[in-house]
PDB file of N, CA and C in Angstrom:
ATOM      1  N   MET A   1     153.573 -24.225  43.053  1.00  0.00           N
ATOM      2  CA  MET A   1     154.234 -23.208  42.248  1.00  0.00           C
ATOM      3  C   MET A   1     154.011 -22.394  42.497  1.00  0.00           C
ATOM      4  N   LYS A   2     155.068 -21.551  42.685  1.00  0.00           N
ATOM      5  CA  LYS A   2     155.492 -19.591  43.208  1.00  0.00           C
ATOM      6  C   LYS A   2     155.191 -18.960  41.595  1.00  0.00           C
ATOM      7  N   ASP A   3     154.058 -18.219  41.893  1.00  0.00           N
ATOM      8  CA  ASP A   3     154.003 -17.167  40.474  1.00  0.00           C
ATOM      9  C   ASP A   3     155.193 -16.326  40.379  1.00  0.00           C
ATOM     10  N   SER A   4     155.308 -15.676  39.278  1.00  0.00           N
ATOM     11  CA  SER A   4     156.364 -15.033  38.820  1.00  0.00           C
ATOM     12  C   SER A   4     155.875 -13.570  39.219  1.00  0.00           C
ATOM     13  N   PRO A   5     156.965 -12.913  39.469  1.00  0.00           N
ATOM     14  CA  PRO A   5     156.305 -11.288  39.725  1.00  0.00           C
ATOM     15  C   PRO A   5     155.475 -10.397  38.794  1.00  0.00           C
ATOM     16  N   LEU A   6     155.813 -11.314  37.317  1.00  0.00           N
ATOM     17  CA  LEU A   6     154.758 -10.595  36.487  1.00  0.00           C
ATOM     18  C   LEU A   6     153.379 -10.819  36.730  1.00  0.00           C
ATOM     19  N   HIS A   7     153.620 -12.266  36.782  1.00  0.00           N
ATOM     20  CA  HIS A   7     151.810 -13.128  37.074  1.00  0.00           C
ATOM     21  C   HIS A   7     151.152 -11.740  38.470  1.00  0.00           C
ATOM     22  N   THR A   8     151.974 -11.836  39.388  1.00  0.00           N
ATOM     23  CA  THR A   8     151.860 -11.287  40.474  1.00  0.00           C
ATOM     24  C   THR A   8     151.157  -9.929  40.827  1.00  0.00           C
ATOM     25  N   LYS A   9     152.359  -9.206  40.426  1.00  0.00           N
ATOM     26  CA  LYS A   9     151.939  -7.374  39.888  1.00  0.00           C
ATOM     27  C   LYS A   9     150.829  -7.380  38.690  1.00  0.00           C
ATOM     28  N   SER A  10     150.558  -8.112  37.822  1.00  0.00           N
ATOM     29  CA  SER A  10     149.648  -8.170  36.820  1.00  0.00           C
ATOM     30  C   SER A  10     148.096  -8.789  37.333  1.00  0.00           C
ATOM     31  N   PHE A  11     148.407  -9.491  38.387  1.00  0.00           N
ATOM     32  CA  PHE A  11     147.126  -9.936  39.137  1.00  0.00           C
ATOM     33  C   PHE A  11     146.716  -8.334  40.301  1.00  0.00           C
ATOM     34  N   GLU A  12     147.492  -7.984  40.877  1.00  0.00           N
ATOM     35  CA  GLU A  12     147.336  -6.733  41.616  1.00  0.00           C
ATOM     36  C   GLU A  12     146.963  -5.796  40.486  1.00  0.00           C
ATOM     37  N   PHE A  13     147.338  -5.519  39.806  1.00  0.00           N
ATOM     38  CA  PHE A  13     146.770  -4.369  38.966  1.00  0.00           C
ATOM     39  C   PHE A  13     145.331  -4.873  38.590  1.00  0.00           C
ATOM     40  N   ALA A  14     145.404  -5.795  37.838  1.00  0.00           N
ATOM     41  CA  ALA A  14     143.752  -6.451  37.890  1.00  0.00           C
ATOM     42  C   ALA A  14     142.479  -5.952  38.434  1.00  0.00           C
ATOM     43  N   LEU A  15     142.758  -5.928  40.264  1.00  0.00           N
ATOM     44  CA  LEU A  15     142.206  -6.081  41.179  1.00  0.00           C
ATOM     45  C   LEU A  15     141.916  -4.533  41.023  1.00  0.00           C
ATOM     46  N   LYS A  16     142.971  -3.645  40.938  1.00  0.00           N
ATOM     47  CA  LYS A  16     142.901  -2.189  41.242  1.00  0.00           C
ATOM     48  C   LYS A  16     141.977  -1.660  39.649  1.00  0.00           C
ATOM     49  N   ILE A  17     142.066  -2.345  38.817  1.00  0.00           N
ATOM     50  CA  ILE A  17     141.459  -1.722  37.729  1.00  0.00           C
ATOM     51  C   ILE A  17     140.147  -2.226  37.950  1.00  0.00           C
ATOM     52  N   ILE A  18     139.660  -3.152  38.653  1.00  0.00           N
ATOM     53  CA  ILE A  18     138.526  -3.717  39.105  1.00  0.00           C
ATOM     54  C   ILE A  18     137.710  -2.427  39.928  1.00  0.00           C
ATOM     55  N   LEU A  19     138.626  -2.482  40.938  1.00  0.00           N
ATOM     56  CA  LEU A  19     138.345  -1.194  42.067  1.00  0.00           C
ATOM     57  C   LEU A  19     137.660  -0.111  41.438  1.00  0.00           C
ATOM     58  N   ILE A  20     138.384   0.450  40.596  1.00  0.00           N
ATOM     59  CA  ILE A  20     138.504   1.836  39.587  1.00  0.00           C
ATOM     60  C   ILE A  20     137.162   1.661  39.000  1.00  0.00           C
ATOM     61  N   SER A  21     136.901   0.678  37.725  1.00  0.00           N
ATOM     62  CA  SER A  21     136.517   0.779  37.248  1.00  0.00           C
ATOM     63  C   SER A  21     134.448   0.623  37.631  1.00  0.00           C
ATOM     64  N   LYS A  22     134.605  -0.116  39.357  1.00  0.00           N
ATOM     65  CA  LYS A  22     133.744  -0.465  40.105  1.00  0.00           C
ATOM     66  C   LYS A  22     132.947   0.643  40.207  1.00  0.00           C
ATOM     67  N   LYS A  23     134.072   1.593  40.873  1.00  0.00           N
ATOM     68  CA  LYS A  23     134.096   3.346  41.149  1.00  0.00           C
ATOM     69  C   LYS A  23     133.193   4.312  40.045  1.00  0.00           C
ATOM     70  N   LEU A  24     134.171   3.957  39.128  1.00  0.00           N
ATOM     71  CA  LEU A  24     133.908   4.980  37.797  1.00  0.00           C
ATOM     72  C   LEU A  24     132.163   4.444  37.383  1.00  0.00           C
ATOM     73  N   HIS A  25     131.638   3.589  37.279  1.00  0.00           N
ATOM     74  CA  HIS A  25     130.239   3.233  37.089  1.00  0.00           C
ATOM     75  C   HIS A  25     129.395   3.404  38.315  1.00  0.00           C
ATOM     76  N   GLN A  26     129.588   3.099  39.280  1.00  0.00           N
ATOM     77  CA  GLN A  26     128.815   4.312  40.283  1.00  0.00           C
ATOM     78  C   GLN A  26     128.587   5.219  39.925  1.00  0.00           C
ATOM     79  N   ASN A  27     129.569   6.171  39.530  1.00  0.00           N
ATOM     80  CA  ASN A  27     129.813   7.593  38.939  1.00  0.00           C
ATOM     81  C   ASN A  27     128.620   7.826  37.961  1.00  0.00           C
ATOM     82  N   GLY A  28     128.673   6.621  37.598  1.00  0.00           N
ATOM     83  CA  GLY A  28     127.826   7.403  35.997  1.00  0.00           C
ATOM     84  C   GLY A  28     128.532   7.205  34.570  1.00  0.00           C
ATOM     85  N   GLU A  29     129.923   6.664  35.354  1.00  0.00           N
ATOM     86  CA  GLU A  29     130.513   6.427  33.701  1.00  0.00           C
ATOM     87  C   GLU A  29     130.430   5.356  33.586  1.00  0.00           C
ATOM     88  N   TYR A  30     129.675   4.736  32.303  1.00  0.00           N
ATOM     89  CA  TYR A  30     129.515   3.330  31.788  1.00  0.00           C
ATOM     90  C   TYR A  30     130.854   2.574  30.446  1.00  0.00           C
ATOM     91  N   VAL A  31     130.681   3.429  29.419  1.00  0.00           N
ATOM     92  CA  VAL A  31     131.741   3.038  28.449  1.00  0.00           C
ATOM     93  C   VAL A  31     133.073   2.991  28.639  1.00  0.00           C
ATOM     94  N   LEU A  32     133.814   4.273  29.143  1.00  0.00           N
ATOM     95  CA  LEU A  32     135.028   4.189  29.563  1.00  0.00           C
ATOM     96  C   LEU A  32     136.090   3.117  30.489  1.00  0.00           C
ATOM     97  N   SER A  33     134.590   3.013  31.777  1.00  0.00           N
ATOM     98  CA  SER A  33     134.677   2.244  32.544  1.00  0.00           C
ATOM     99  C   SER A  33     134.852   0.254  32.093  1.00  0.00           C
ATOM    100  N   LYS A  34     134.292   0.394  31.079  1.00  0.00           N
ATOM    101  CA  LYS A  34     134.050  -0.714  30.785  1.00  0.00           C
ATOM    102  C   LYS A  34     135.457  -0.947  29.630  1.00  0.00           C
ATOM    103  N   GLN A  35     135.987  -0.385  28.976  1.00  0.00           N
ATOM    104  CA  GLN A  35     137.475  -0.387  28.306  1.00  0.00           C
ATOM    105  C   GLN A  35     138.277  -0.733  29.357  1.00  0.00           C
ATOM    106  N   LEU A  36     138.095   0.006  30.131  1.00  0.00           N
ATOM    107  CA  LEU A  36     139.397   0.225  31.004  1.00  0.00           C
ATOM    108  C   LEU A  36     139.671  -1.043  32.155  1.00  0.00           C
ATOM    109  N   LEU A  37     138.334  -1.623  32.154  1.00  0.00           N
ATOM    110  CA  LEU A  37     137.972  -3.049  32.626  1.00  0.00           C
ATOM    111  C   LEU A  37     138.581  -4.027  31.751  1.00  0.00           C
ATOM    112  N   ARG A  38     138.258  -4.056  30.473  1.00  0.00           N
ATOM    113  CA  ARG A  38     138.628  -4.950  29.431  1.00  0.00           C
ATOM    114  C   ARG A  38     140.098  -4.762  29.441  1.00  0.00           C
ATOM    115  N   SER A  39     140.467  -4.173  28.966  1.00  0.00           N
ATOM    116  CA  SER A  39     141.764  -4.017  28.729  1.00  0.00           C
ATOM    117  C   SER A  39     142.500  -4.512  30.223  1.00  0.00           C
ATOM    118  N   GLY A  40     142.423  -3.672  31.363  1.00  0.00           N
ATOM    119  CA  GLY A  40     143.292  -3.626  32.480  1.00  0.00           C
ATOM    120  C   GLY A  40     143.606  -5.210  33.049  1.00  0.00           C
ATOM    121  N   THR A  41     142.512  -5.607  32.549  1.00  0.00           N
ATOM    122  CA  THR A  41     141.821  -7.247  33.248  1.00  0.00           C
ATOM    123  C   THR A  41     142.540  -8.202  32.494  1.00  0.00           C
ATOM    124  N   ALA A  42     143.092  -7.948  31.083  1.00  0.00           N
ATOM    125  CA  ALA A  42     143.354  -8.678  29.592  1.00  0.00           C
ATOM    126  C   ALA A  42     144.945  -8.972  30.084  1.00  0.00           C
ATOM    127  N   ILE A  43     145.307  -7.652  30.589  1.00  0.00           N
ATOM    128  CA  ILE A  43     146.906  -8.178  31.145  1.00  0.00           C
ATOM    129  C   ILE A  43     147.292  -9.449  31.947  1.00  0.00           C
ATOM    130  N   GLY A  44     146.617  -9.301  32.829  1.00  0.00           N
ATOM    131  CA  GLY A  44     147.240 -10.857  33.394  1.00  0.00           C
ATOM    132  C   GLY A  44     146.703 -11.601  33.379  1.00  0.00           C
ATOM    133  N   ALA A  45     145.337 -11.689  32.259  1.00  0.00           N
ATOM    134  CA  ALA A  45     144.609 -13.253  32.001  1.00  0.00           C
ATOM    135  C   ALA A  45     145.691 -13.441  30.803  1.00  0.00           C
ATOM    136  N   LEU A  46     146.281 -13.283  29.867  1.00  0.00           N
ATOM    137  CA  LEU A  46     147.251 -13.436  28.833  1.00  0.00           C
ATOM    138  C   LEU A  46     148.486 -14.018  29.551  1.00  0.00           C
ATOM    139  N   ILE A  47     148.897 -13.349  30.630  1.00  0.00           N
ATOM    140  CA  ILE A  47     150.274 -14.008  31.038  1.00  0.00           C
ATOM    141  C   ILE A  47     149.686 -15.226  31.357  1.00  0.00           C
ATOM    142  N   LYS A  48     149.000 -15.550  32.146  1.00  0.00           N
ATOM    143  CA  LYS A  48     148.613 -16.516  33.240  1.00  0.00           C
ATOM    144  C   LYS A  48     148.278 -17.423  31.787  1.00  0.00           C
ATOM    145  N   GLU A  49     147.751 -17.243  30.476  1.00  0.00           N
ATOM    146  CA  GLU A  49     147.548 -17.935  29.619  1.00  0.00           C
ATOM    147  C   GLU A  49     148.639 -18.638  28.753  1.00  0.00           C
ATOM    148  N   ALA A  50     149.765 -17.922  28.577  1.00  0.00           N
ATOM    149  CA  ALA A  50     150.795 -18.299  28.352  1.00  0.00           C
ATOM    150  C   ALA A  50     151.620 -19.165  28.608  1.00  0.00           C
ATOM    151  N   GLU A  51     151.054 -19.590  30.063  1.00  0.00           N
ATOM    152  CA  GLU A  51     152.158 -20.605  30.577  1.00  0.00           C
ATOM    153  C   GLU A  51     151.496 -21.950  30.368  1.00  0.00           C
ATOM    154  N   PHE A  52     150.535 -22.073  29.268  1.00  0.00           N
ATOM    155  CA  PHE A  52     150.155 -23.534  28.695  1.00  0.00           C
ATOM    156  C   PHE A  52     150.547 -22.862  27.184  1.00  0.00           C
ATOM    157  N   ALA A  53     151.417 -21.730  26.596  1.00  0.00           N
ATOM    158  CA  ALA A  53     151.682 -21.838  25.220  1.00  0.00           C
ATOM    159  C   ALA A  53     152.365 -22.630  24.590  1.00  0.00           C
ATOM    160  N   GLN A  54     152.118 -23.277  23.674  1.00  0.00           N
ATOM    161  CA  GLN A  54     152.287 -24.437  22.546  1.00  0.00           C
ATOM    162  C   GLN A  54     154.021 -24.469  22.024  1.00  0.00           C
ATOM    163  N   SER A  55     154.323 -23.188  21.717  1.00  0.00           N
ATOM    164  CA  SER A  55     155.801 -23.163  21.394  1.00  0.00           C
ATOM    165  C   SER A  55     156.601 -21.921  21.974  1.00  0.00           C
ATOM    166  N   THR A  56     157.199 -21.401  21.966  1.00  0.00           N
ATOM    167  CA  THR A  56     158.298 -20.127  21.970  1.00  0.00           C
ATOM    168  C   THR A  56     157.229 -18.878  21.166  1.00  0.00           C
ATOM    169  N   ALA A  57     157.014 -19.393  20.054  1.00  0.00           N
ATOM    170  CA  ALA A  57     156.687 -18.558  19.297  1.00  0.00           C
ATOM    171  C   ALA A  57     154.824 -18.132  20.267  1.00  0.00           C
ATOM    172  N   ASP A  58     154.548 -18.894  20.118  1.00  0.00           N
ATOM    173  CA  ASP A  58     153.106 -18.596  21.115  1.00  0.00           C
ATOM    174  C   ASP A  58     153.109 -18.254  22.125  1.00  0.00           C
ATOM    175  N   TYR A  59     154.352 -18.471  23.097  1.00  0.00           N
ATOM    176  CA  TYR A  59     154.252 -17.888  24.079  1.00  0.00           C
ATOM    177  C   TYR A  59     154.693 -16.148  24.155  1.00  0.00           C
ATOM    178  N   ILE A  60     156.070 -16.106  23.032  1.00  0.00           N
ATOM    179  CA  ILE A  60     156.193 -14.556  23.254  1.00  0.00           C
ATOM    180  C   ILE A  60     155.208 -13.745  22.136  1.00  0.00           C
ATOM    181  N   HIS A  61     153.770 -14.419  21.410  1.00  0.00           N
ATOM    182  CA  HIS A  61     152.777 -13.971  20.790  1.00  0.00           C
ATOM    183  C   HIS A  61     151.940 -13.590  21.819  1.00  0.00           C
ATOM    184  N   LYS A  62     151.281 -14.272  23.202  1.00  0.00           N
ATOM    185  CA  LYS A  62     150.630 -13.944  24.194  1.00  0.00           C
ATOM    186  C   LYS A  62     151.161 -12.700  25.022  1.00  0.00           C
ATOM    187  N   PHE A  63     152.484 -12.836  25.227  1.00  0.00           N
ATOM    188  CA  PHE A  63     153.168 -11.929  25.957  1.00  0.00           C
ATOM    189  C   PHE A  63     153.266 -10.303  24.990  1.00  0.00           C
ATOM    190  N   SER A  64     153.265 -10.505  23.693  1.00  0.00           N
ATOM    191  CA  SER A  64     153.012  -8.955  23.040  1.00  0.00           C
ATOM    192  C   SER A  64     151.676  -8.738  23.005  1.00  0.00           C
ATOM    193  N   ILE A  65     150.621  -9.800  22.870  1.00  0.00           N
ATOM    194  CA  ILE A  65     149.235  -8.789  22.832  1.00  0.00           C
ATOM    195  C   ILE A  65     148.897  -8.464  24.320  1.00  0.00           C
ATOM    196  N   ALA A  66     149.539  -8.864  25.300  1.00  0.00           N
ATOM    197  CA  ALA A  66     149.348  -8.696  27.048  1.00  0.00           C
ATOM    198  C   ALA A  66     150.225  -7.357  26.925  1.00  0.00           C
ATOM    199  N   LEU A  67     151.182  -7.173  25.976  1.00  0.00           N
ATOM    200  CA  LEU A  67     152.061  -5.481  26.175  1.00  0.00           C
ATOM    201  C   LEU A  67     150.751  -4.800  25.146  1.00  0.00           C
ATOM    202  N   LYS A  68     150.239  -5.051  24.336  1.00  0.00           N
ATOM    203  CA  LYS A  68     149.395  -4.092  23.911  1.00  0.00           C
ATOM    204  C   LYS A  68     148.213  -4.018  24.572  1.00  0.00           C
ATOM    205  N   GLU A  69     147.405  -4.532  24.954  1.00  0.00           N
ATOM    206  CA  GLU A  69     146.420  -4.713  26.313  1.00  0.00           C
ATOM    207  C   GLU A  69     147.223  -3.514  27.507  1.00  0.00           C
ATOM    208  N   ALA A  70     148.552  -3.619  27.971  1.00  0.00           N
ATOM    209  CA  ALA A  70     148.827  -3.129  28.928  1.00  0.00           C
ATOM    210  C   ALA A  70     148.947  -1.393  28.192  1.00  0.00           C
ATOM    211  N   ASN A  71     149.764  -1.572  27.212  1.00  0.00           N
ATOM    212  CA  ASN A  71     149.287  -0.049  26.358  1.00  0.00           C
ATOM    213  C   ASN A  71     147.930   0.565  26.183  1.00  0.00           C
ATOM    214  N   GLU A  72     147.147  -0.391  26.122  1.00  0.00           N
ATOM    215  CA  GLU A  72     145.644   0.403  26.032  1.00  0.00           C
ATOM    216  C   GLU A  72     145.153   0.889  26.756  1.00  0.00           C
ATOM    217  N   THR A  73     145.529   0.343  28.376  1.00  0.00           N
ATOM    218  CA  THR A  73     145.274   0.467  29.459  1.00  0.00           C
ATOM    219  C   THR A  73     145.906   1.976  30.109  1.00  0.00           C
ATOM    220  N   PHE A  74     146.602   1.966  29.406  1.00  0.00           N
ATOM    221  CA  PHE A  74     147.580   3.200  30.055  1.00  0.00           C
ATOM    222  C   PHE A  74     146.681   4.539  28.780  1.00  0.00           C
ATOM    223  N   TYR A  75     146.235   4.168  27.632  1.00  0.00           N
ATOM    224  CA  TYR A  75     145.804   5.092  27.524  1.00  0.00           C
ATOM    225  C   TYR A  75     144.100   5.530  27.923  1.00  0.00           C
ATOM    226  N   TRP A  76     143.107   4.058  28.458  1.00  0.00           N
ATOM    227  CA  TRP A  76     141.950   5.005  29.078  1.00  0.00           C
ATOM    228  C   TRP A  76     142.547   5.495  30.630  1.00  0.00           C
ATOM    229  N   LEU A  77     143.500   5.075  30.987  1.00  0.00           N
ATOM    230  CA  LEU A  77     143.784   6.171  32.241  1.00  0.00           C
ATOM    231  C   LEU A  77     143.723   7.145  32.062  1.00  0.00           C
ATOM    232  N   GLU A  78     144.863   7.874  31.080  1.00  0.00           N
ATOM    233  CA  GLU A  78     145.335   9.200  30.573  1.00  0.00           C
ATOM    234  C   GLU A  78     143.746   9.360  30.527  1.00  0.00           C
ATOM    235  N   LEU A  79     143.020   9.335  29.443  1.00  0.00           N
ATOM    236  CA  LEU A  79     141.864   9.442  29.170  1.00  0.00           C
ATOM    237  C   LEU A  79     140.987  10.299  30.674  1.00  0.00           C
ATOM    238  N   LEU A  80     140.817   9.203  31.034  1.00  0.00           N
ATOM    239  CA  LEU A  80     140.031   9.442  32.178  1.00  0.00           C
ATOM    240  C   LEU A  80     140.538  10.874  33.208  1.00  0.00           C
ATOM    241  N   PHE A  81     141.691  10.373  33.186  1.00  0.00           N
ATOM    242  CA  PHE A  81     142.452  11.271  34.441  1.00  0.00           C
ATOM    243  C   PHE A  81     142.573  12.808  34.101  1.00  0.00           C
ATOM    244  N   GLU A  82     142.965  12.916  32.363  1.00  0.00           N
ATOM    245  CA  GLU A  82     142.972  14.073  31.684  1.00  0.00           C
ATOM    246  C   GLU A  82     141.188  14.862  31.588  1.00  0.00           C
ATOM    247  N   SER A  83     140.198  13.724  31.639  1.00  0.00           N
ATOM    248  CA  SER A  83     138.825  14.134  31.157  1.00  0.00           C
ATOM    249  C   SER A  83     138.145  14.285  33.134  1.00  0.00           C
ATOM    250  N   THR A  84     138.907  14.243  34.254  1.00  0.00           N
ATOM    251  CA  THR A  84     138.783  14.150  35.541  1.00  0.00           C
ATOM    252  C   THR A  84     137.965  12.862  36.121  1.00  0.00           C
ATOM    253  N   TYR A  85     137.443  11.721  35.141  1.00  0.00           N
ATOM    254  CA  TYR A  85     137.146  11.140  36.033  1.00  0.00           C
ATOM    255  C   TYR A  85     137.789  10.621  36.853  1.00  0.00           C
ATOM    256  N   LEU A  86     138.962  10.446  36.774  1.00  0.00           N
ATOM    257  CA  LEU A  86     139.796   9.795  37.669  1.00  0.00           C
ATOM    258  C   LEU A  86     140.766  10.669  38.763  1.00  0.00           C
ATOM    259  N   LYS A  87     140.670  10.318  39.681  1.00  0.00           N
ATOM    260  CA  LYS A  87     141.721  11.504  40.745  1.00  0.00           C
ATOM    261  C   LYS A  87     143.039  11.169  40.537  1.00  0.00           C
ATOM    262  N   ARG A  88     143.962  12.117  40.676  1.00  0.00           N
ATOM    263  CA  ARG A  88     145.472  12.266  40.516  1.00  0.00           C
ATOM    264  C   ARG A  88     146.340  10.803  40.993  1.00  0.00           C
ATOM    265  N   GLN A  89     145.620  10.485  42.310  1.00  0.00           N
ATOM    266  CA  GLN A  89     146.237   9.598  43.487  1.00  0.00           C
ATOM    267  C   GLN A  89     146.154   8.162  42.412  1.00  0.00           C
ATOM    268  N   ASP A  90     145.124   7.912  41.668  1.00  0.00           N
ATOM    269  CA  ASP A  90     144.596   6.803  41.182  1.00  0.00           C
ATOM    270  C   ASP A  90     145.391   6.717  39.859  1.00  0.00           C
ATOM    271  N   TYR A  91     145.309   7.716  39.249  1.00  0.00           N
ATOM    272  CA  TYR A  91     146.095   7.765  37.984  1.00  0.00           C
ATOM    273  C   TYR A  91     147.818   7.212  38.355  1.00  0.00           C
ATOM    274  N   THR A  92     147.823   7.981  39.327  1.00  0.00           N
ATOM    275  CA  THR A  92     149.225   8.387  39.349  1.00  0.00           C
ATOM    276  C   THR A  92     149.976   6.528  39.366  1.00  0.00           C
ATOM    277  N   THR A  93     148.885   6.074  40.929  1.00  0.00           N
ATOM    278  CA  THR A  93     149.504   4.791  41.240  1.00  0.00           C
ATOM    279  C   THR A  93     149.350   3.170  40.412  1.00  0.00           C
ATOM    280  N   GLU A  94     148.163   3.520  39.379  1.00  0.00           N
ATOM    281  CA  GLU A  94     148.188   2.477  38.189  1.00  0.00           C
ATOM    282  C   GLU A  94     148.927   3.246  37.658  1.00  0.00           C
ATOM    283  N   THR A  95     149.173   4.028  37.009  1.00  0.00           N
ATOM    284  CA  THR A  95     150.171   4.521  35.474  1.00  0.00           C
ATOM    285  C   THR A  95     151.668   3.675  35.791  1.00  0.00           C
ATOM    286  N   ASP A  96     151.936   3.917  37.082  1.00  0.00           N
ATOM    287  CA  ASP A  96     153.491   3.412  37.870  1.00  0.00           C
ATOM    288  C   ASP A  96     152.814   1.805  37.550  1.00  0.00           C
ATOM    289  N   LEU A  97     152.284   1.657  37.927  1.00  0.00           N
ATOM    290  CA  LEU A  97     152.185   0.085  37.887  1.00  0.00           C
ATOM    291  C   LEU A  97     152.430  -0.419  36.465  1.00  0.00           C
ATOM    292  N   ASN A  98     151.291   0.110  35.772  1.00  0.00           N
ATOM    293  CA  ASN A  98     151.125  -0.054  34.835  1.00  0.00           C
ATOM    294  C   ASN A  98     152.365   0.071  33.695  1.00  0.00           C
ATOM    295  N   LYS A  99     153.430   1.099  33.952  1.00  0.00           N
ATOM    296  CA  LYS A  99     154.582   1.580  33.397  1.00  0.00           C
ATOM    297  C   LYS A  99     155.644  -0.088  33.842  1.00  0.00           C
ATOM    298  N   GLU A 100     155.347  -0.162  34.602  1.00  0.00           N
ATOM    299  CA  GLU A 100     156.281  -1.429  35.451  1.00  0.00           C
ATOM    300  C   GLU A 100     155.747  -2.793  34.550  1.00  0.00           C
ATOM    301  N   LEU A 101     154.661  -2.837  34.417  1.00  0.00           N
ATOM    302  CA  LEU A 101     154.043  -4.445  33.564  1.00  0.00           C
ATOM    303  C   LEU A 101     155.170  -3.730  32.249  1.00  0.00           C
ATOM    304  N   ILE A 102     154.653  -2.674  31.548  1.00  0.00           N
ATOM    305  CA  ILE A 102     154.980  -2.953  30.254  1.00  0.00           C
ATOM    306  C   ILE A 102     156.782  -3.188  30.109  1.00  0.00           C
ATOM    307  N   SER A 103     157.790  -2.702  31.165  1.00  0.00           N
ATOM    308  CA  SER A 103     158.769  -2.567  30.896  1.00  0.00           C
ATOM    309  C   SER A 103     159.071  -4.334  31.707  1.00  0.00           C
ATOM    310  N   MET A 104     158.537  -4.989  32.265  1.00  0.00           N
ATOM    311  CA  MET A 104     158.382  -6.159  32.471  1.00  0.00           C
ATOM    312  C   MET A 104     158.109  -7.326  31.145  1.00  0.00           C
ATOM    313  N   LEU A 105     157.448  -7.041  30.714  1.00  0.00           N
ATOM    314  CA  LEU A 105     156.551  -7.208  29.417  1.00  0.00           C
ATOM    315  C   LEU A 105     157.617  -7.290  28.377  1.00  0.00           C
ATOM    316  N   VAL A 106     158.412  -5.857  27.924  1.00  0.00           N
ATOM    317  CA  VAL A 106     158.984  -5.202  26.848  1.00  0.00           C
ATOM    318  C   VAL A 106     160.867  -7.017  27.249  1.00  0.00           C
ATOM    319  N   SER A 107     161.118  -6.658  28.334  1.00  0.00           N
ATOM    320  CA  SER A 107     161.919  -7.380  28.902  1.00  0.00           C
ATOM    321  C   SER A 107     161.718  -8.674  28.672  1.00  0.00           C
ATOM    322  N   THR A 108     161.291  -9.520  28.806  1.00  0.00           N
ATOM    323  CA  THR A 108     160.633 -10.564  29.029  1.00  0.00           C
ATOM    324  C   THR A 108     160.424 -11.236  27.229  1.00  0.00           C
ATOM    325  N   ILE A 109     159.678 -10.368  26.321  1.00  0.00           N
ATOM    326  CA  ILE A 109     159.826 -10.743  25.218  1.00  0.00           C
ATOM    327  C   ILE A 109     161.337 -10.008  24.621  1.00  0.00           C
ATOM    328  N   LYS A 110     162.209  -9.662  25.061  1.00  0.00           N
ATOM    329  CA  LYS A 110     163.337  -9.111  24.191  1.00  0.00           C
ATOM    330  C   LYS A 110     164.210 -10.797  24.561  1.00  0.00           C
ATOM    331  N   THR A 111     164.113 -10.535  25.487  1.00  0.00           N
ATOM    332  CA  THR A 111     164.981 -12.005  26.328  1.00  0.00           C
ATOM    333  C   THR A 111     164.447 -13.470  25.246  1.00  0.00           C
ATOM    334  N   LEU A 112     163.320 -13.427  25.114  1.00  0.00           N
ATOM    335  CA  LEU A 112     162.759 -14.843  24.482  1.00  0.00           C
ATOM    336  C   LEU A 112     163.215 -14.448  23.135  1.00  0.00           C
ATOM    337  N   LYS A 113     163.382 -13.532  22.735  1.00  0.00           N
ATOM    338  CA  LYS A 113     163.307 -13.453  21.152  1.00  0.00           C
ATOM    339  C   LYS A 113     164.604 -13.924  21.002  1.00  0.00           C
ATOM    340  N   SER A 114     165.632 -13.561  21.726  1.00  0.00           N
ATOM    341  CA  SER A 114     167.018 -13.690  21.944  1.00  0.00           C
ATOM    342  C   SER A 114     167.639 -14.955  21.923  1.00  0.00           C
ATOM    343  N   LYS A 115     166.772 -15.751  22.549  1.00  0.00           N
ATOM    344  CA  LYS A 115     166.917 -17.485  22.462  1.00  0.00           C
ATOM    345  C   LYS A 115     167.029 -18.041  21.326  1.00  0.00           C
ATOM    346  N   PRO A 116     168.188 -18.998  21.171  1.00  0.00           N
ATOM    347  CA  PRO A 116     168.152 -19.789  19.983  1.00  0.00           C
ATOM    348  C   PRO A 116     166.866 -20.499  19.246  1.00  0.00           C
TER     349      PRO A 116
END
């Protein structure tokens, strides 16, 4: 079975977040890097978990939590950039992909809620 674009993008995003977190950790930043790692990888995990949702409401709920995690990840990326832990290139690349994931999640949730 072919993965959805949302699943593929969230997985790619998580891999990039792992690399950034690892780099931050190697440079002595432990607390914020763990926060970023937790929220940035949770997005894809929740999307994957939704594959076996028990109902449409459960499906929407999982995607809604993924959306919250994506929003939190945006906060950590912004904080790391503004505190100079994160370089502009990494920040720009990741926030662009994060915004794309947020848009896809919002669209999916709206579509699911509009179905009878």
